[in-house]
Amino acid sequence: LVQAGGSLRLSCKTSKIVFDINIMGWYRQAPGQQRELVANITRTGRI
């Protein structure tokens, strides 16, 4: 929980070390809404 204007940092790690992921990213879903892409990053670093 944070007030408007504040900051948070999310982390996501894999359960084991892997190197063959093509794309990894974050989606979000608000109540009553569809899940939507927030941001992603590819193996080559494209964001």
PDB file of all heavy atoms in Angstrom:
ATOM      1  N   LEU A   1       0.854  -1.191   0.000  1.00  0.00           N
ATOM      2  CA  LEU A   1       0.000   0.000   0.000  1.00  0.00           C
ATOM      3  C   LEU A   1       0.885   1.235   0.000  1.00  0.00           C
ATOM      4  O   LEU A   1       1.831   1.334   0.795  1.00  0.00           O
ATOM      5  CB  LEU A   1      -0.892  -0.016   1.238  1.00  0.00           C
ATOM      6  CG  LEU A   1      -1.729   1.239   1.507  1.00  0.00           C
ATOM      7  CD1 LEU A   1      -2.746   1.443   0.387  1.00  0.00           C
ATOM      8  CD2 LEU A   1      -2.426   1.119   2.860  1.00  0.00           C
ATOM      9  N   VAL A   2       0.568   2.168  -0.879  1.00  0.00           N
ATOM     10  CA  VAL A   2       1.352   3.396  -0.979  1.00  0.00           C
ATOM     11  C   VAL A   2       0.419   4.546  -1.316  1.00  0.00           C
ATOM     12  O   VAL A   2      -0.632   4.337  -1.955  1.00  0.00           O
ATOM     13  CB  VAL A   2       2.469   3.241  -2.039  1.00  0.00           C
ATOM     14  CG1 VAL A   2       1.883   3.071  -3.424  1.00  0.00           C
ATOM     15  CG2 VAL A   2       3.449   4.402  -1.991  1.00  0.00           C
ATOM     16  N   GLN A   3       0.785   5.734  -0.898  1.00  0.00           N
ATOM     17  CA  GLN A   3      -0.017   6.908  -1.252  1.00  0.00           C
ATOM     18  C   GLN A   3       0.297   7.364  -2.674  1.00  0.00           C
ATOM     19  O   GLN A   3       1.384   7.098  -3.201  1.00  0.00           O
ATOM     20  CB  GLN A   3       0.280   8.049  -0.279  1.00  0.00           C
ATOM     21  CG  GLN A   3      -0.311   7.849   1.099  1.00  0.00           C
ATOM     22  CD  GLN A   3      -0.169   9.092   1.969  1.00  0.00           C
ATOM     23  OE1 GLN A   3       0.773   9.864   1.825  1.00  0.00           O
ATOM     24  NE2 GLN A   3      -1.114   9.283   2.878  1.00  0.00           N
ATOM     25  N   ALA A   4      -0.654   8.035  -3.265  1.00  0.00           N
ATOM     26  CA  ALA A   4      -0.449   8.586  -4.608  1.00  0.00           C
ATOM     27  C   ALA A   4       0.805   9.462  -4.615  1.00  0.00           C
ATOM     28  O   ALA A   4       1.040  10.231  -3.684  1.00  0.00           O
ATOM     29  CB  ALA A   4      -1.655   9.389  -5.048  1.00  0.00           C
ATOM     30  N   GLY A   5       1.601   9.293  -5.667  1.00  0.00           N
ATOM     31  CA  GLY A   5       2.862  10.009  -5.779  1.00  0.00           C
ATOM     32  C   GLY A   5       4.048   9.241  -5.237  1.00  0.00           C
ATOM     33  O   GLY A   5       5.199   9.628  -5.454  1.00  0.00           O
ATOM     34  N   GLY A   6       3.773   8.158  -4.539  1.00  0.00           N
ATOM     35  CA  GLY A   6       4.832   7.357  -3.951  1.00  0.00           C
ATOM     36  C   GLY A   6       5.433   6.362  -4.933  1.00  0.00           C
ATOM     37  O   GLY A   6       5.105   6.352  -6.121  1.00  0.00           O
ATOM     38  N   SER A   7       6.320   5.524  -4.397  1.00  0.00           N
ATOM     39  CA  SER A   7       7.053   4.569  -5.218  1.00  0.00           C
ATOM     40  C   SER A   7       7.013   3.178  -4.597  1.00  0.00           C
ATOM     41  O   SER A   7       6.914   3.032  -3.379  1.00  0.00           O
ATOM     42  CB  SER A   7       8.517   5.000  -5.364  1.00  0.00           C
ATOM     43  OG  SER A   7       8.632   6.256  -5.990  1.00  0.00           O
ATOM     44  N   LEU A   8       7.104   2.188  -5.458  1.00  0.00           N
ATOM     45  CA  LEU A   8       7.268   0.795  -5.053  1.00  0.00           C
ATOM     46  C   LEU A   8       8.182   0.113  -6.061  1.00  0.00           C
ATOM     47  O   LEU A   8       8.254   0.528  -7.217  1.00  0.00           O
ATOM     48  CB  LEU A   8       5.932   0.052  -5.020  1.00  0.00           C
ATOM     49  CG  LEU A   8       4.981   0.286  -3.843  1.00  0.00           C
ATOM     50  CD1 LEU A   8       3.657  -0.444  -4.108  1.00  0.00           C
ATOM     51  CD2 LEU A   8       5.593  -0.190  -2.535  1.00  0.00           C
ATOM     52  N   ARG A   9       8.836  -0.943  -5.597  1.00  0.00           N
ATOM     53  CA  ARG A   9       9.675  -1.733  -6.495  1.00  0.00           C
ATOM     54  C   ARG A   9       9.267  -3.188  -6.399  1.00  0.00           C
ATOM     55  O   ARG A   9       9.302  -3.781  -5.318  1.00  0.00           O
ATOM     56  CB  ARG A   9      11.149  -1.586  -6.129  1.00  0.00           C
ATOM     57  CG  ARG A   9      12.102  -2.229  -7.122  1.00  0.00           C
ATOM     58  CD  ARG A   9      13.514  -2.165  -6.604  1.00  0.00           C
ATOM     59  NE  ARG A   9      14.507  -2.478  -7.623  1.00  0.00           N
ATOM     60  CZ  ARG A   9      15.593  -3.198  -7.385  1.00  0.00           C
ATOM     61  NH1 ARG A   9      15.834  -3.675  -6.186  1.00  0.00           N
ATOM     62  NH2 ARG A   9      16.464  -3.398  -8.357  1.00  0.00           N
ATOM     63  N   LEU A  10       8.868  -3.756  -7.530  1.00  0.00           N
ATOM     64  CA  LEU A  10       8.505  -5.164  -7.597  1.00  0.00           C
ATOM     65  C   LEU A  10       9.696  -5.966  -8.103  1.00  0.00           C
ATOM     66  O   LEU A  10      10.477  -5.491  -8.930  1.00  0.00           O
ATOM     67  CB  LEU A  10       7.324  -5.371  -8.538  1.00  0.00           C
ATOM     68  CG  LEU A  10       6.061  -4.553  -8.273  1.00  0.00           C
ATOM     69  CD1 LEU A  10       4.966  -4.969  -9.267  1.00  0.00           C
ATOM     70  CD2 LEU A  10       5.584  -4.729  -6.857  1.00  0.00           C
ATOM     71  N   SER A  11       9.802  -7.195  -7.601  1.00  0.00           N
ATOM     72  CA  SER A  11      10.837  -8.114  -8.050  1.00  0.00           C
ATOM     73  C   SER A  11      10.205  -9.429  -8.449  1.00  0.00           C
ATOM     74  O   SER A  11       9.185  -9.840  -7.876  1.00  0.00           O
ATOM     75  CB  SER A  11      11.859  -8.376  -6.935  1.00  0.00           C
ATOM     76  OG  SER A  11      12.497  -7.194  -6.527  1.00  0.00           O
ATOM     77  N   CYS A  12      10.812 -10.092  -9.399  1.00  0.00           N
ATOM     78  CA  CYS A  12      10.350 -11.419  -9.819  1.00  0.00           C
ATOM     79  C   CYS A  12      11.579 -12.236 -10.172  1.00  0.00           C
ATOM     80  O   CYS A  12      12.366 -11.828 -11.042  1.00  0.00           O
ATOM     81  CB  CYS A  12       9.420 -11.312 -11.014  1.00  0.00           C
ATOM     82  SG  CYS A  12       8.953 -12.919 -11.713  1.00  0.00           S
ATOM     83  N   LYS A  13      11.732 -13.360  -9.507  1.00  0.00           N
ATOM     84  CA  LYS A  13      12.855 -14.221  -9.837  1.00  0.00           C
ATOM     85  C   LYS A  13      12.353 -15.611 -10.190  1.00  0.00           C
ATOM     86  O   LYS A  13      11.285 -16.039  -9.761  1.00  0.00           O
ATOM     87  CB  LYS A  13      13.847 -14.297  -8.677  1.00  0.00           C
ATOM     88  CG  LYS A  13      13.338 -14.948  -7.419  1.00  0.00           C
ATOM     89  CD  LYS A  13      14.469 -15.014  -6.392  1.00  0.00           C
ATOM     90  CE  LYS A  13      14.025 -15.733  -5.131  1.00  0.00           C
ATOM     91  NZ  LYS A  13      15.132 -15.831  -4.136  1.00  0.00           N
ATOM     92  N   THR A  14      13.138 -16.286 -10.992  1.00  0.00           N
ATOM     93  CA  THR A  14      12.794 -17.651 -11.376  1.00  0.00           C
ATOM     94  C   THR A  14      13.232 -18.617 -10.275  1.00  0.00           C
ATOM     95  O   THR A  14      14.177 -18.354  -9.536  1.00  0.00           O
ATOM     96  CB  THR A  14      13.474 -18.034 -12.688  1.00  0.00           C
ATOM     97  OG1 THR A  14      14.887 -17.839 -12.555  1.00  0.00           O
ATOM     98  CG2 THR A  14      12.963 -17.171 -13.835  1.00  0.00           C
ATOM     99  N   SER A  15      12.518 -19.747 -10.181  1.00  0.00           N
ATOM    100  CA  SER A  15      12.795 -20.708  -9.112  1.00  0.00           C
ATOM    101  C   SER A  15      14.113 -21.439  -9.316  1.00  0.00           C
ATOM    102  O   SER A  15      14.634 -22.059  -8.404  1.00  0.00           O
ATOM    103  CB  SER A  15      11.652 -21.713  -8.995  1.00  0.00           C
ATOM    104  OG  SER A  15      11.445 -22.349 -10.239  1.00  0.00           O
ATOM    105  N   LYS A  16      14.630 -21.393 -10.543  1.00  0.00           N
ATOM    106  CA  LYS A  16      15.936 -21.963 -10.827  1.00  0.00           C
ATOM    107  C   LYS A  16      16.589 -21.098 -11.899  1.00  0.00           C
ATOM    108  O   LYS A  16      15.918 -20.347 -12.595  1.00  0.00           O
ATOM    109  CB  LYS A  16      15.822 -23.413 -11.298  1.00  0.00           C
ATOM    110  CG  LYS A  16      14.976 -23.616 -12.533  1.00  0.00           C
ATOM    111  CD  LYS A  16      14.879 -25.080 -12.880  1.00  0.00           C
ATOM    112  CE  LYS A  16      14.059 -25.306 -14.139  1.00  0.00           C
ATOM    113  NZ  LYS A  16      13.954 -26.744 -14.480  1.00  0.00           N
ATOM    114  N   ILE A  17      17.881 -21.184 -12.004  1.00  0.00           N
ATOM    115  CA  ILE A  17      18.592 -20.368 -12.978  1.00  0.00           C
ATOM    116  C   ILE A  17      18.293 -20.877 -14.377  1.00  0.00           C
ATOM    117  O   ILE A  17      18.486 -22.055 -14.671  1.00  0.00           O
ATOM    118  CB  ILE A  17      20.107 -20.382 -12.706  1.00  0.00           C
ATOM    119  CG1 ILE A  17      20.399 -19.717 -11.347  1.00  0.00           C
ATOM    120  CG2 ILE A  17      20.846 -19.653 -13.823  1.00  0.00           C
ATOM    121  CD1 ILE A  17      21.851 -19.762 -10.948  1.00  0.00           C
ATOM    122  N   VAL A  18      17.785 -19.992 -15.219  1.00  0.00           N
ATOM    123  CA  VAL A  18      17.487 -20.332 -16.605  1.00  0.00           C
ATOM    124  C   VAL A  18      18.017 -19.222 -17.494  1.00  0.00           C
ATOM    125  O   VAL A  18      18.091 -18.064 -17.084  1.00  0.00           O
ATOM    126  CB  VAL A  18      15.971 -20.511 -16.846  1.00  0.00           C
ATOM    127  CG1 VAL A  18      15.462 -21.749 -16.161  1.00  0.00           C
ATOM    128  CG2 VAL A  18      15.196 -19.287 -16.404  1.00  0.00           C
ATOM    129  N   PHE A  19      18.384 -19.575 -18.707  1.00  0.00           N
ATOM    130  CA  PHE A  19      18.940 -18.585 -19.628  1.00  0.00           C
ATOM    131  C   PHE A  19      18.204 -18.560 -20.955  1.00  0.00           C
ATOM    132  O   PHE A  19      18.544 -17.789 -21.819  1.00  0.00           O
ATOM    133  CB  PHE A  19      20.425 -18.849 -19.865  1.00  0.00           C
ATOM    134  CG  PHE A  19      21.254 -18.711 -18.622  1.00  0.00           C
ATOM    135  CD1 PHE A  19      21.634 -19.829 -17.893  1.00  0.00           C
ATOM    136  CD2 PHE A  19      21.635 -17.463 -18.168  1.00  0.00           C
ATOM    137  CE1 PHE A  19      22.389 -19.701 -16.741  1.00  0.00           C
ATOM    138  CE2 PHE A  19      22.396 -17.330 -17.014  1.00  0.00           C
ATOM    139  CZ  PHE A  19      22.770 -18.444 -16.298  1.00  0.00           C
ATOM    140  N   ASP A  20      17.166 -19.393 -21.098  1.00  0.00           N
ATOM    141  CA  ASP A  20      16.504 -19.501 -22.394  1.00  0.00           C
ATOM    142  C   ASP A  20      15.130 -18.857 -22.411  1.00  0.00           C
ATOM    143  O   ASP A  20      14.270 -19.260 -23.168  1.00  0.00           O
ATOM    144  CB  ASP A  20      16.404 -20.962 -22.811  1.00  0.00           C
ATOM    145  CG  ASP A  20      15.713 -21.826 -21.755  1.00  0.00           C
ATOM    146  OD1 ASP A  20      15.453 -21.327 -20.655  1.00  0.00           O
ATOM    147  OD2 ASP A  20      15.438 -22.994 -22.064  1.00  0.00           O
ATOM    148  N   ILE A  21      14.934 -17.861 -21.564  1.00  0.00           N
ATOM    149  CA  ILE A  21      13.682 -17.109 -21.596  1.00  0.00           C
ATOM    150  C   ILE A  21      13.728 -16.122 -22.756  1.00  0.00           C
ATOM    151  O   ILE A  21      14.728 -15.425 -22.953  1.00  0.00           O
ATOM    152  CB  ILE A  21      13.461 -16.378 -20.260  1.00  0.00           C
ATOM    153  CG1 ILE A  21      13.185 -17.394 -19.150  1.00  0.00           C
ATOM    154  CG2 ILE A  21      12.310 -15.380 -20.374  1.00  0.00           C
ATOM    155  CD1 ILE A  21      13.052 -16.785 -17.772  1.00  0.00           C
ATOM    156  N   ASN A  22      12.648 -16.049 -23.518  1.00  0.00           N
ATOM    157  CA  ASN A  22      12.598 -15.131 -24.645  1.00  0.00           C
ATOM    158  C   ASN A  22      12.166 -13.731 -24.233  1.00  0.00           C
ATOM    159  O   ASN A  22      12.725 -12.727 -24.666  1.00  0.00           O
ATOM    160  CB  ASN A  22      11.645 -15.655 -25.717  1.00  0.00           C
ATOM    161  CG  ASN A  22      12.103 -16.971 -26.280  1.00  0.00           C
ATOM    162  OD1 ASN A  22      11.543 -18.012 -25.986  1.00  0.00           O
ATOM    163  ND2 ASN A  22      13.148 -16.939 -27.081  1.00  0.00           N
ATOM    164  N   ILE A  23      11.105 -13.685 -23.427  1.00  0.00           N
ATOM    165  CA  ILE A  23      10.557 -12.408 -22.965  1.00  0.00           C
ATOM    166  C   ILE A  23      10.113 -12.583 -21.515  1.00  0.00           C
ATOM    167  O   ILE A  23       9.553 -13.630 -21.154  1.00  0.00           O
ATOM    168  CB  ILE A  23       9.328 -11.968 -23.792  1.00  0.00           C
ATOM    169  CG1 ILE A  23       9.679 -11.848 -25.275  1.00  0.00           C
ATOM    170  CG2 ILE A  23       8.776 -10.636 -23.286  1.00  0.00           C
ATOM    171  CD1 ILE A  23       8.471 -11.577 -26.166  1.00  0.00           C
ATOM    172  N   MET A  24      10.320 -11.572 -20.719  1.00  0.00           N
ATOM    173  CA  MET A  24       9.848 -11.603 -19.337  1.00  0.00           C
ATOM    174  C   MET A  24       9.298 -10.220 -19.018  1.00  0.00           C
ATOM    175  O   MET A  24       9.821  -9.208 -19.509  1.00  0.00           O
ATOM    176  CB  MET A  24      10.990 -11.961 -18.390  1.00  0.00           C
ATOM    177  CG  MET A  24      10.559 -12.455 -17.029  1.00  0.00           C
ATOM    178  SD  MET A  24      11.896 -13.359 -16.232  1.00  0.00           S
ATOM    179  CE  MET A  24      11.204 -13.589 -14.609  1.00  0.00           C
ATOM    180  N   GLY A  25       8.226 -10.194 -18.224  1.00  0.00           N
ATOM    181  CA  GLY A  25       7.638  -8.892 -17.973  1.00  0.00           C
ATOM    182  C   GLY A  25       6.573  -8.902 -16.906  1.00  0.00           C
ATOM    183  O   GLY A  25       6.406  -9.877 -16.170  1.00  0.00           O
ATOM    184  N   TRP A  26       5.862  -7.790 -16.823  1.00  0.00           N
ATOM    185  CA  TRP A  26       4.822  -7.580 -15.825  1.00  0.00           C
ATOM    186  C   TRP A  26       3.499  -7.256 -16.507  1.00  0.00           C
ATOM    187  O   TRP A  26       3.445  -6.452 -17.438  1.00  0.00           O
ATOM    188  CB  TRP A  26       5.208  -6.409 -14.915  1.00  0.00           C
ATOM    189  CG  TRP A  26       6.407  -6.686 -14.074  1.00  0.00           C
ATOM    190  CD1 TRP A  26       7.705  -6.370 -14.359  1.00  0.00           C
ATOM    191  CD2 TRP A  26       6.422  -7.343 -12.812  1.00  0.00           C
ATOM    192  NE1 TRP A  26       8.527  -6.797 -13.354  1.00  0.00           N
ATOM    193  CE2 TRP A  26       7.761  -7.391 -12.384  1.00  0.00           C
ATOM    194  CE3 TRP A  26       5.436  -7.891 -11.984  1.00  0.00           C
ATOM    195  CZ2 TRP A  26       8.143  -7.971 -11.171  1.00  0.00           C
ATOM    196  CZ3 TRP A  26       5.822  -8.462 -10.783  1.00  0.00           C
ATOM    197  CH2 TRP A  26       7.157  -8.500 -10.381  1.00  0.00           C
ATOM    198  N   TYR A  27       2.451  -7.899 -16.009  1.00  0.00           N
ATOM    199  CA  TYR A  27       1.087  -7.596 -16.375  1.00  0.00           C
ATOM    200  C   TYR A  27       0.360  -7.158 -15.107  1.00  0.00           C
ATOM    201  O   TYR A  27       0.820  -7.418 -13.997  1.00  0.00           O
ATOM    202  CB  TYR A  27       0.393  -8.823 -16.961  1.00  0.00           C
ATOM    203  CG  TYR A  27       0.823  -9.179 -18.361  1.00  0.00           C
ATOM    204  CD1 TYR A  27       2.094  -9.707 -18.607  1.00  0.00           C
ATOM    205  CD2 TYR A  27      -0.035  -9.013 -19.444  1.00  0.00           C
ATOM    206  CE1 TYR A  27       2.492 -10.036 -19.888  1.00  0.00           C
ATOM    207  CE2 TYR A  27       0.345  -9.350 -20.734  1.00  0.00           C
ATOM    208  CZ  TYR A  27       1.605  -9.857 -20.942  1.00  0.00           C
ATOM    209  OH  TYR A  27       1.997 -10.184 -22.215  1.00  0.00           O
ATOM    210  N   ARG A  28      -0.782  -6.533 -15.276  1.00  0.00           N
ATOM    211  CA  ARG A  28      -1.600  -6.185 -14.116  1.00  0.00           C
ATOM    212  C   ARG A  28      -3.079  -6.376 -14.438  1.00  0.00           C
ATOM    213  O   ARG A  28      -3.492  -6.298 -15.591  1.00  0.00           O
ATOM    214  CB  ARG A  28      -1.341  -4.746 -13.653  1.00  0.00           C
ATOM    215  CG  ARG A  28      -1.773  -3.664 -14.627  1.00  0.00           C
ATOM    216  CD  ARG A  28      -1.333  -2.297 -14.116  1.00  0.00           C
ATOM    217  NE  ARG A  28      -1.713  -1.231 -15.037  1.00  0.00           N
ATOM    218  CZ  ARG A  28      -1.343   0.039 -14.889  1.00  0.00           C
ATOM    219  NH1 ARG A  28      -0.574   0.403 -13.860  1.00  0.00           N
ATOM    220  NH2 ARG A  28      -1.738   0.949 -15.765  1.00  0.00           N
ATOM    221  N   GLN A  29      -3.840  -6.610 -13.372  1.00  0.00           N
ATOM    222  CA  GLN A  29      -5.275  -6.798 -13.519  1.00  0.00           C
ATOM    223  C   GLN A  29      -5.978  -6.090 -12.384  1.00  0.00           C
ATOM    224  O   GLN A  29      -5.811  -6.449 -11.207  1.00  0.00           O
ATOM    225  CB  GLN A  29      -5.634  -8.283 -13.530  1.00  0.00           C
ATOM    226  CG  GLN A  29      -7.087  -8.546 -13.858  1.00  0.00           C
ATOM    227  CD  GLN A  29      -7.341 -10.007 -14.162  1.00  0.00           C
ATOM    228  OE1 GLN A  29      -6.548 -10.879 -13.819  1.00  0.00           O
ATOM    229  NE2 GLN A  29      -8.450 -10.279 -14.835  1.00  0.00           N
ATOM    230  N   ALA A  30      -6.746  -5.074 -12.737  1.00  0.00           N
ATOM    231  CA  ALA A  30      -7.550  -4.345 -11.759  1.00  0.00           C
ATOM    232  C   ALA A  30      -8.904  -5.034 -11.623  1.00  0.00           C
ATOM    233  O   ALA A  30      -9.328  -5.768 -12.534  1.00  0.00           O
ATOM    234  CB  ALA A  30      -7.719  -2.901 -12.208  1.00  0.00           C
ATOM    235  N   PRO A  31      -9.615  -4.827 -10.520  1.00  0.00           N
ATOM    236  CA  PRO A  31     -10.923  -5.468 -10.334  1.00  0.00           C
ATOM    237  C   PRO A  31     -11.868  -5.161 -11.493  1.00  0.00           C
ATOM    238  O   PRO A  31     -12.028  -4.008 -11.889  1.00  0.00           O
ATOM    239  CB  PRO A  31     -11.429  -4.850  -9.024  1.00  0.00           C
ATOM    240  CG  PRO A  31     -10.194  -4.463  -8.297  1.00  0.00           C
ATOM    241  CD  PRO A  31      -9.216  -4.033  -9.342  1.00  0.00           C
ATOM    242  N   GLY A  32     -12.459  -6.205 -12.046  1.00  0.00           N
ATOM    243  CA  GLY A  32     -13.408  -6.044 -13.137  1.00  0.00           C
ATOM    244  C   GLY A  32     -12.787  -5.732 -14.478  1.00  0.00           C
ATOM    245  O   GLY A  32     -13.506  -5.465 -15.439  1.00  0.00           O
ATOM    246  N   GLN A  33     -11.471  -5.751 -14.549  1.00  0.00           N
ATOM    247  CA  GLN A  33     -10.777  -5.419 -15.796  1.00  0.00           C
ATOM    248  C   GLN A  33     -10.018  -6.637 -16.316  1.00  0.00           C
ATOM    249  O   GLN A  33      -9.758  -7.589 -15.593  1.00  0.00           O
ATOM    250  CB  GLN A  33      -9.780  -4.280 -15.548  1.00  0.00           C
ATOM    251  CG  GLN A  33     -10.351  -3.053 -14.891  1.00  0.00           C
ATOM    252  CD  GLN A  33     -10.874  -2.058 -15.886  1.00  0.00           C
ATOM    253  OE1 GLN A  33     -10.588  -2.136 -17.076  1.00  0.00           O
ATOM    254  NE2 GLN A  33     -11.663  -1.120 -15.403  1.00  0.00           N
ATOM    255  N   GLN A  34      -9.658  -6.554 -17.602  1.00  0.00           N
ATOM    256  CA  GLN A  34      -8.831  -7.606 -18.182  1.00  0.00           C
ATOM    257  C   GLN A  34      -7.371  -7.410 -17.782  1.00  0.00           C
ATOM    258  O   GLN A  34      -6.944  -6.293 -17.468  1.00  0.00           O
ATOM    259  CB  GLN A  34      -8.950  -7.582 -19.707  1.00  0.00           C
ATOM    260  CG  GLN A  34     -10.294  -8.054 -20.234  1.00  0.00           C
ATOM    261  CD  GLN A  34     -10.290  -8.220 -21.744  1.00  0.00           C
ATOM    262  OE1 GLN A  34      -9.580  -7.520 -22.450  1.00  0.00           O
ATOM    263  NE2 GLN A  34     -11.067  -9.174 -22.228  1.00  0.00           N
ATOM    264  N   ARG A  35      -6.634  -8.501 -17.811  1.00  0.00           N
ATOM    265  CA  ARG A  35      -5.204  -8.416 -17.545  1.00  0.00           C
ATOM    266  C   ARG A  35      -4.537  -7.679 -18.710  1.00  0.00           C
ATOM    267  O   ARG A  35      -4.824  -7.954 -19.862  1.00  0.00           O
ATOM    268  CB  ARG A  35      -4.607  -9.811 -17.368  1.00  0.00           C
ATOM    269  CG  ARG A  35      -3.211  -9.829 -16.803  1.00  0.00           C
ATOM    270  CD  ARG A  35      -2.763 -11.253 -16.490  1.00  0.00           C
ATOM    271  NE  ARG A  35      -3.586 -11.862 -15.448  1.00  0.00           N
ATOM    272  CZ  ARG A  35      -3.306 -13.032 -14.888  1.00  0.00           C
ATOM    273  NH1 ARG A  35      -2.204 -13.695 -15.248  1.00  0.00           N
ATOM    274  NH2 ARG A  35      -4.103 -13.541 -13.976  1.00  0.00           N
ATOM    275  N   GLU A  36      -3.634  -6.758 -18.371  1.00  0.00           N
ATOM    276  CA  GLU A  36      -2.986  -5.962 -19.405  1.00  0.00           C
ATOM    277  C   GLU A  36      -1.480  -5.915 -19.186  1.00  0.00           C
ATOM    278  O   GLU A  36      -0.993  -6.002 -18.057  1.00  0.00           O
ATOM    279  CB  GLU A  36      -3.538  -4.523 -19.408  1.00  0.00           C
ATOM    280  CG  GLU A  36      -3.296  -3.758 -18.114  1.00  0.00           C
ATOM    281  CD  GLU A  36      -3.821  -2.332 -18.156  1.00  0.00           C
ATOM    282  OE1 GLU A  36      -4.558  -1.970 -19.095  1.00  0.00           O
ATOM    283  OE2 GLU A  36      -3.476  -1.568 -17.223  1.00  0.00           O
ATOM    284  N   LEU A  37      -0.770  -5.761 -20.300  1.00  0.00           N
ATOM    285  CA  LEU A  37       0.676  -5.659 -20.229  1.00  0.00           C
ATOM    286  C   LEU A  37       1.083  -4.315 -19.627  1.00  0.00           C
ATOM    287  O   LEU A  37       0.557  -3.269 -20.008  1.00  0.00           O
ATOM    288  CB  LEU A  37       1.286  -5.790 -21.630  1.00  0.00           C
ATOM    289  CG  LEU A  37       2.789  -5.561 -21.717  1.00  0.00           C
ATOM    290  CD1 LEU A  37       3.549  -6.678 -21.024  1.00  0.00           C
ATOM    291  CD2 LEU A  37       3.218  -5.444 -23.182  1.00  0.00           C
ATOM    292  N   VAL A  38       2.038  -4.364 -18.707  1.00  0.00           N
ATOM    293  CA  VAL A  38       2.618  -3.138 -18.146  1.00  0.00           C
ATOM    294  C   VAL A  38       3.955  -2.846 -18.822  1.00  0.00           C
ATOM    295  O   VAL A  38       4.181  -1.763 -19.350  1.00  0.00           O
ATOM    296  CB  VAL A  38       2.821  -3.272 -16.626  1.00  0.00           C
ATOM    297  CG1 VAL A  38       3.497  -2.026 -16.060  1.00  0.00           C
ATOM    298  CG2 VAL A  38       1.488  -3.525 -15.934  1.00  0.00           C
ATOM    299  N   ALA A  39       4.836  -3.833 -18.812  1.00  0.00           N
ATOM    300  CA  ALA A  39       6.151  -3.672 -19.424  1.00  0.00           C
ATOM    301  C   ALA A  39       6.773  -5.039 -19.601  1.00  0.00           C
ATOM    302  O   ALA A  39       6.488  -5.957 -18.826  1.00  0.00           O
ATOM    303  CB  ALA A  39       7.062  -2.806 -18.553  1.00  0.00           C
ATOM    304  N   ASN A  40       7.600  -5.193 -20.633  1.00  0.00           N
ATOM    305  CA  ASN A  40       8.359  -6.422 -20.777  1.00  0.00           C
ATOM    306  C   ASN A  40       9.733  -6.136 -21.366  1.00  0.00           C
ATOM    307  O   ASN A  40      10.009  -5.051 -21.872  1.00  0.00           O
ATOM    308  CB  ASN A  40       7.601  -7.484 -21.562  1.00  0.00           C
ATOM    309  CG  ASN A  40       7.242  -7.052 -22.975  1.00  0.00           C
ATOM    310  OD1 ASN A  40       7.843  -6.147 -23.523  1.00  0.00           O
ATOM    311  ND2 ASN A  40       6.263  -7.728 -23.558  1.00  0.00           N
ATOM    312  N   ILE A  41      10.590  -7.151 -21.260  1.00  0.00           N
ATOM    313  CA  ILE A  41      11.965  -7.022 -21.746  1.00  0.00           C
ATOM    314  C   ILE A  41      12.347  -8.335 -22.420  1.00  0.00           C
ATOM    315  O   ILE A  41      12.048  -9.416 -21.911  1.00  0.00           O
ATOM    316  CB  ILE A  41      12.924  -6.653 -20.586  1.00  0.00           C
ATOM    317  CG1 ILE A  41      14.347  -6.437 -21.101  1.00  0.00           C
ATOM    318  CG2 ILE A  41      12.880  -7.690 -19.474  1.00  0.00           C
ATOM    319  CD1 ILE A  41      15.253  -5.761 -20.069  1.00  0.00           C
ATOM    320  N   THR A  42      12.961  -8.234 -23.580  1.00  0.00           N
ATOM    321  CA  THR A  42      13.301  -9.421 -24.344  1.00  0.00           C
ATOM    322  C   THR A  42      14.709  -9.902 -24.010  1.00  0.00           C
ATOM    323  O   THR A  42      15.482  -9.219 -23.339  1.00  0.00           O
ATOM    324  CB  THR A  42      13.228  -9.158 -25.850  1.00  0.00           C
ATOM    325  OG1 THR A  42      14.316  -8.286 -26.217  1.00  0.00           O
ATOM    326  CG2 THR A  42      11.906  -8.515 -26.233  1.00  0.00           C
ATOM    327  N   ARG A  43      15.025 -11.078 -24.550  1.00  0.00           N
ATOM    328  CA  ARG A  43      16.359 -11.652 -24.343  1.00  0.00           C
ATOM    329  C   ARG A  43      17.442 -10.698 -24.831  1.00  0.00           C
ATOM    330  O   ARG A  43      18.528 -10.628 -24.256  1.00  0.00           O
ATOM    331  CB  ARG A  43      16.450 -12.981 -25.098  1.00  0.00           C
ATOM    332  CG  ARG A  43      17.770 -13.705 -24.963  1.00  0.00           C
ATOM    333  CD  ARG A  43      17.975 -14.603 -26.168  1.00  0.00           C
ATOM    334  NE  ARG A  43      16.927 -15.598 -26.245  1.00  0.00           N
ATOM    335  CZ  ARG A  43      17.069 -16.855 -25.795  1.00  0.00           C
ATOM    336  NH1 ARG A  43      18.190 -17.218 -25.230  1.00  0.00           N
ATOM    337  NH2 ARG A  43      16.092 -17.721 -25.921  1.00  0.00           N
ATOM    338  N   THR A  44      17.134  -9.951 -25.910  1.00  0.00           N
ATOM    339  CA  THR A  44      18.133  -9.040 -26.481  1.00  0.00           C
ATOM    340  C   THR A  44      18.128  -7.672 -25.804  1.00  0.00           C
ATOM    341  O   THR A  44      18.883  -6.795 -26.202  1.00  0.00           O
ATOM    342  CB  THR A  44      17.882  -8.863 -27.985  1.00  0.00           C
ATOM    343  OG1 THR A  44      16.565  -8.338 -28.174  1.00  0.00           O
ATOM    344  CG2 THR A  44      18.027 -10.186 -28.715  1.00  0.00           C
ATOM    345  N   GLY A  45      17.238  -7.489 -24.825  1.00  0.00           N
ATOM    346  CA  GLY A  45      17.223  -6.238 -24.081  1.00  0.00           C
ATOM    347  C   GLY A  45      16.229  -5.200 -24.578  1.00  0.00           C
ATOM    348  O   GLY A  45      16.196  -4.080 -24.074  1.00  0.00           O
ATOM    349  N   ARG A  46      15.417  -5.574 -25.581  1.00  0.00           N
ATOM    350  CA  ARG A  46      14.400  -4.628 -26.046  1.00  0.00           C
ATOM    351  C   ARG A  46      13.319  -4.492 -24.978  1.00  0.00           C
ATOM    352  O   ARG A  46      12.848  -5.471 -24.423  1.00  0.00           O
ATOM    353  CB  ARG A  46      13.775  -5.109 -27.343  1.00  0.00           C
ATOM    354  CG  ARG A  46      12.740  -4.144 -27.899  1.00  0.00           C
ATOM    355  CD  ARG A  46      12.072  -4.712 -29.126  1.00  0.00           C
ATOM    356  NE  ARG A  46      13.017  -4.986 -30.199  1.00  0.00           N
ATOM    357  CZ  ARG A  46      12.658  -5.539 -31.348  1.00  0.00           C
ATOM    358  NH1 ARG A  46      11.401  -5.869 -31.576  1.00  0.00           N
ATOM    359  NH2 ARG A  46      13.561  -5.763 -32.271  1.00  0.00           N
ATOM    360  N   ILE A  47      12.911  -3.269 -24.732  1.00  0.00           N
ATOM    361  CA  ILE A  47      11.934  -2.989 -23.668  1.00  0.00           C
ATOM    362  C   ILE A  47      10.682  -2.370 -24.268  1.00  0.00           C
ATOM    363  O   ILE A  47      10.757  -1.554 -25.192  1.00  0.00           O
ATOM    364  CB  ILE A  47      12.546  -2.050 -22.608  1.00  0.00           C
ATOM    365  CG1 ILE A  47      13.623  -2.791 -21.808  1.00  0.00           C
ATOM    366  CG2 ILE A  47      11.477  -1.509 -21.674  1.00  0.00           C
ATOM    367  CD1 ILE A  47      14.377  -1.925 -20.830  1.00  0.00           C
TER     368      ILE A  47
END
